[in-house]
Amino acid sequence: MSGSATVLEDSSTLSKADRWLFKLESLFTLFGGITILFLVALAVMNILGRWLFNIPVSGYVDWVEQAMAIFAFVGIAYCQRLGGHIRMDILLSVMKGRLLWIAEWVSVLFMLLITSVLIYGSYLHFYRAFSNGDSSMDIGLPIWPAKLIVPVALTFLAIRLVFQLWAYSVAIIRASESPVAVPLIEDAATQAAREAESLDGGAS
């Protein structure tokens, strides 16, 4: 399942660190949203320029290719913090207490290992493009900035996963029912009620 989940907060060091990181993730995600807005404006300019003046935006495809890396990756850590990534939690939904947090801890550790490998590989791709001076086909845009976005975004994700490992470790030790700084699984009824409440708030 996917969708935003409840993330509890308190006055602990873990929760404060979580909120600080979430602010950075939110700014990074905002950058992705601004990039999408830029692409929309660029598309409008390209269409109108071609239609009205027969002058399309030079290097339009190159700009789109560069921007895709931004909005595709910058929100990945933000989404992880909110529990928005698609996952299968049929088994996890019936677990409770320490057993659930152990299962979550193992899955997050597995994600962190994979993310670490991806950071290493994507950094090598960036460094190769930077060293060789690779550029786009049409107007010769350097492609290393777009490739740099990937390891940077994945590094944010790795930091988020470390925080979640920390939170689950605390939950395991204390046998906590409601740990902070991690997305908590909600049943379908709770999710539906929360979404309905948010719609009512927006309407009012």
Protein backbone atom coordinates (compact mmCIF):
# COMPACT_ATOMS: atom_id res chain seq x y z
CA MET A 1 0.00 0.00 0.00
CA SER A 2 1.03 3.63 -0.24
CA GLY A 3 -0.04 6.98 1.09
CA SER A 4 0.94 9.40 3.79
CA ALA A 5 1.09 7.83 7.25
CA THR A 6 1.09 9.22 10.77
CA VAL A 7 4.50 10.29 12.10
CA LEU A 8 4.54 11.00 15.82
CA GLU A 9 6.70 13.66 17.45
CA ASP A 10 7.90 14.41 20.98
CA SER A 11 10.66 16.36 22.74
CA SER A 12 13.34 13.66 22.37
CA THR A 13 16.62 14.19 20.53
CA LEU A 14 15.50 11.70 17.90
CA SER A 15 12.29 13.59 17.20
CA LYS A 16 14.08 16.94 17.05
CA ALA A 17 16.63 15.53 14.61
CA ASP A 18 13.80 14.02 12.57
CA ARG A 19 12.01 17.36 12.31
CA TRP A 20 15.24 19.13 11.33
CA LEU A 21 15.90 16.61 8.57
CA PHE A 22 12.29 16.82 7.43
CA LYS A 23 12.68 20.57 6.89
CA LEU A 24 15.64 19.93 4.58
CA GLU A 25 13.72 17.18 2.78
CA SER A 26 10.77 19.52 2.35
CA LEU A 27 12.98 22.23 0.83
CA PHE A 28 14.54 19.67 -1.49
CA THR A 29 11.08 18.49 -2.54
CA LEU A 30 9.98 22.09 -3.07
CA PHE A 31 12.90 22.44 -5.47
CA GLY A 32 11.48 19.48 -7.39
CA GLY A 33 8.07 21.14 -7.52
CA ILE A 34 9.56 24.37 -8.80
CA THR A 35 11.35 22.35 -11.47
CA ILE A 36 8.05 20.89 -12.62
CA LEU A 37 6.58 24.39 -12.76
CA PHE A 38 9.56 25.49 -14.84
CA LEU A 39 8.96 22.59 -17.25
CA VAL A 40 5.29 23.52 -17.61
CA ALA A 41 6.23 27.12 -18.42
CA LEU A 42 8.90 25.91 -20.83
CA ALA A 43 6.40 23.64 -22.58
CA VAL A 44 3.93 26.51 -22.95
CA MET A 45 6.66 28.75 -24.37
CA ASN A 46 7.74 26.01 -26.76
CA ILE A 47 4.21 25.40 -28.04
CA LEU A 48 3.29 29.07 -28.38
CA GLY A 49 6.65 29.93 -29.92
CA ARG A 50 6.31 27.18 -32.49
CA TRP A 51 2.65 27.99 -33.22
CA LEU A 52 2.79 31.79 -33.30
CA PHE A 53 6.30 32.55 -34.52
CA ASN A 54 7.59 29.20 -35.79
CA ILE A 55 10.43 29.57 -33.26
CA PRO A 56 10.46 26.71 -30.73
CA VAL A 57 12.56 26.84 -27.58
CA SER A 58 16.13 25.94 -28.44
CA GLY A 59 17.21 22.71 -26.77
CA TYR A 60 13.77 21.98 -25.34
CA VAL A 61 14.35 18.23 -25.22
CA ASP A 62 17.75 18.74 -23.58
CA TRP A 63 16.25 20.87 -20.81
CA VAL A 64 13.48 18.33 -20.19
CA GLU A 65 15.98 15.49 -19.98
CA GLN A 66 18.05 17.41 -17.43
CA ALA A 67 15.04 18.35 -15.32
CA MET A 68 13.64 14.81 -15.20
CA ALA A 69 16.44 13.70 -12.87
CA ILE A 70 15.52 16.50 -10.48
CA PHE A 71 11.81 15.87 -9.97
CA ALA A 72 12.22 12.10 -10.21
CA PHE A 73 14.66 11.86 -7.28
CA VAL A 74 14.58 14.91 -5.02
CA GLY A 75 11.42 13.86 -3.20
CA ILE A 76 12.45 10.28 -2.45
CA ALA A 77 13.56 10.90 1.16
CA TYR A 78 10.53 13.12 1.83
CA CYS A 79 8.26 10.34 0.62
CA GLN A 80 10.07 7.79 2.80
CA ARG A 81 9.57 9.93 5.89
CA LEU A 82 5.83 10.12 5.25
CA GLY A 83 5.51 6.43 4.41
CA GLY A 84 4.40 7.25 0.89
CA HIS A 85 6.37 4.63 -1.04
CA ILE A 86 4.41 1.65 -2.31
CA ARG A 87 5.04 -1.49 -0.29
CA MET A 88 3.34 -4.76 0.61
CA ASP A 89 2.35 -4.69 4.27
CA ILE A 90 -0.23 -7.49 4.44
CA LEU A 91 2.00 -9.41 6.84
CA LEU A 92 3.21 -6.34 8.74
CA SER A 93 -0.35 -5.14 9.31
CA VAL A 94 -1.07 -8.14 11.57
CA MET A 95 2.14 -7.78 13.60
CA LYS A 96 2.23 -5.88 16.88
CA GLY A 97 4.79 -4.47 19.28
CA ARG A 98 8.42 -5.56 19.26
CA LEU A 99 7.92 -8.14 16.48
CA LEU A 100 6.62 -5.44 14.14
CA TRP A 101 9.51 -3.08 14.90
CA ILE A 102 12.05 -5.87 14.34
CA ALA A 103 10.50 -6.60 10.93
CA GLU A 104 10.54 -2.89 10.06
CA TRP A 105 14.14 -2.58 11.26
CA VAL A 106 15.26 -5.44 9.01
CA SER A 107 13.45 -4.03 5.98
CA VAL A 108 14.92 -0.55 6.53
CA LEU A 109 18.40 -2.02 6.93
CA PHE A 110 17.95 -3.85 3.63
CA MET A 111 16.85 -0.60 1.99
CA LEU A 112 19.87 1.20 3.41
CA LEU A 113 22.26 -1.41 1.99
CA ILE A 114 20.69 -1.12 -1.47
CA THR A 115 20.67 2.67 -1.26
CA SER A 116 24.36 2.70 -0.33
CA VAL A 117 25.20 0.65 -3.42
CA LEU A 118 23.11 2.99 -5.58
CA ILE A 119 24.86 6.04 -4.13
CA TYR A 120 28.24 4.58 -5.01
CA GLY A 121 27.20 3.62 -8.53
CA SER A 122 25.42 6.90 -9.30
CA TYR A 123 28.38 8.90 -7.99
CA LEU A 124 30.66 7.02 -10.38
CA HIS A 125 28.32 7.93 -13.26
CA PHE A 126 28.40 11.57 -12.18
CA TYR A 127 32.18 11.61 -11.84
CA ARG A 128 32.62 10.00 -15.26
CA ALA A 129 30.36 12.61 -16.89
CA PHE A 130 32.12 15.42 -15.05
CA SER A 131 35.60 14.18 -15.96
CA ASN A 132 34.77 13.55 -19.61
CA GLY A 133 32.79 16.76 -20.06
CA ASP A 134 29.71 14.91 -21.34
CA SER A 135 27.04 17.16 -22.81
CA SER A 136 23.57 16.88 -24.33
CA MET A 137 23.08 16.19 -28.02
CA ASP A 138 21.29 19.37 -29.13
CA ILE A 139 22.66 22.49 -27.41
CA GLY A 140 25.54 20.91 -25.52
CA LEU A 141 24.29 21.29 -21.95
CA PRO A 142 26.68 19.66 -19.44
CA ILE A 143 24.92 16.60 -18.05
CA TRP A 144 26.91 16.19 -14.85
CA PRO A 145 24.60 18.48 -12.77
CA ALA A 146 21.64 16.20 -13.49
CA LYS A 147 23.71 13.13 -12.69
CA LEU A 148 24.91 14.74 -9.44
CA ILE A 149 21.29 15.11 -8.30
CA VAL A 150 20.92 11.31 -8.08
CA PRO A 151 23.63 10.53 -5.47
CA VAL A 152 22.71 13.68 -3.51
CA ALA A 153 19.03 12.67 -3.34
CA LEU A 154 19.96 9.10 -2.45
CA THR A 155 22.24 10.41 0.31
CA PHE A 156 19.27 12.22 1.82
CA LEU A 157 17.38 8.93 1.64
CA ALA A 158 20.25 7.09 3.33
CA ILE A 159 20.27 9.63 6.17
CA ARG A 160 16.52 9.23 6.54
CA LEU A 161 16.91 5.45 6.69
CA VAL A 162 19.58 5.78 9.39
CA PHE A 163 17.15 7.90 11.42
CA GLN A 164 14.47 5.26 10.99
CA LEU A 165 16.85 2.52 12.08
CA TRP A 166 17.55 4.61 15.16
CA ALA A 167 13.83 5.03 15.83
CA TYR A 168 13.03 1.35 15.36
CA SER A 169 15.96 0.39 17.59
CA VAL A 170 14.55 2.56 20.37
CA ALA A 171 11.11 1.05 19.81
CA ILE A 172 12.52 -2.49 20.00
CA ILE A 173 14.44 -1.79 23.22
CA ARG A 174 11.51 -0.08 24.91
CA ALA A 175 8.79 -2.27 23.33
CA SER A 176 7.05 0.97 22.42
CA GLU A 177 3.58 0.92 20.90
CA SER A 178 3.94 4.31 19.20
CA PRO A 179 7.53 5.19 18.24
CA VAL A 180 8.40 8.65 16.98
CA ALA A 181 10.06 9.63 13.68
CA VAL A 182 8.72 6.67 11.68
CA PRO A 183 5.54 6.28 9.61
CA LEU A 184 3.01 4.18 11.48
CA ILE A 185 0.84 1.68 9.62
CA GLU A 186 -2.81 2.69 9.44
CA ASP A 187 -5.72 0.49 8.50
CA ALA A 188 -7.93 1.37 5.55
CA ALA A 189 -10.67 2.84 7.75
CA THR A 190 -8.25 5.18 9.53
CA GLN A 191 -6.73 6.34 6.26
CA ALA A 192 -10.16 6.97 4.76
CA ALA A 193 -11.28 8.94 7.82
CA ARG A 194 -8.13 11.06 7.79
CA GLU A 195 -8.47 11.79 4.07
CA ALA A 196 -12.13 12.72 4.52
CA GLU A 197 -11.16 15.03 7.39
CA SER A 198 -8.53 16.75 5.26
CA LEU A 199 -11.10 17.28 2.48
CA ASP A 200 -13.59 18.73 4.93
CA GLY A 201 -10.93 21.07 6.26
CA GLY A 202 -10.07 22.18 2.74
CA ALA A 203 -13.72 22.81 1.93
CA SER A 204 -14.24 24.88 5.05
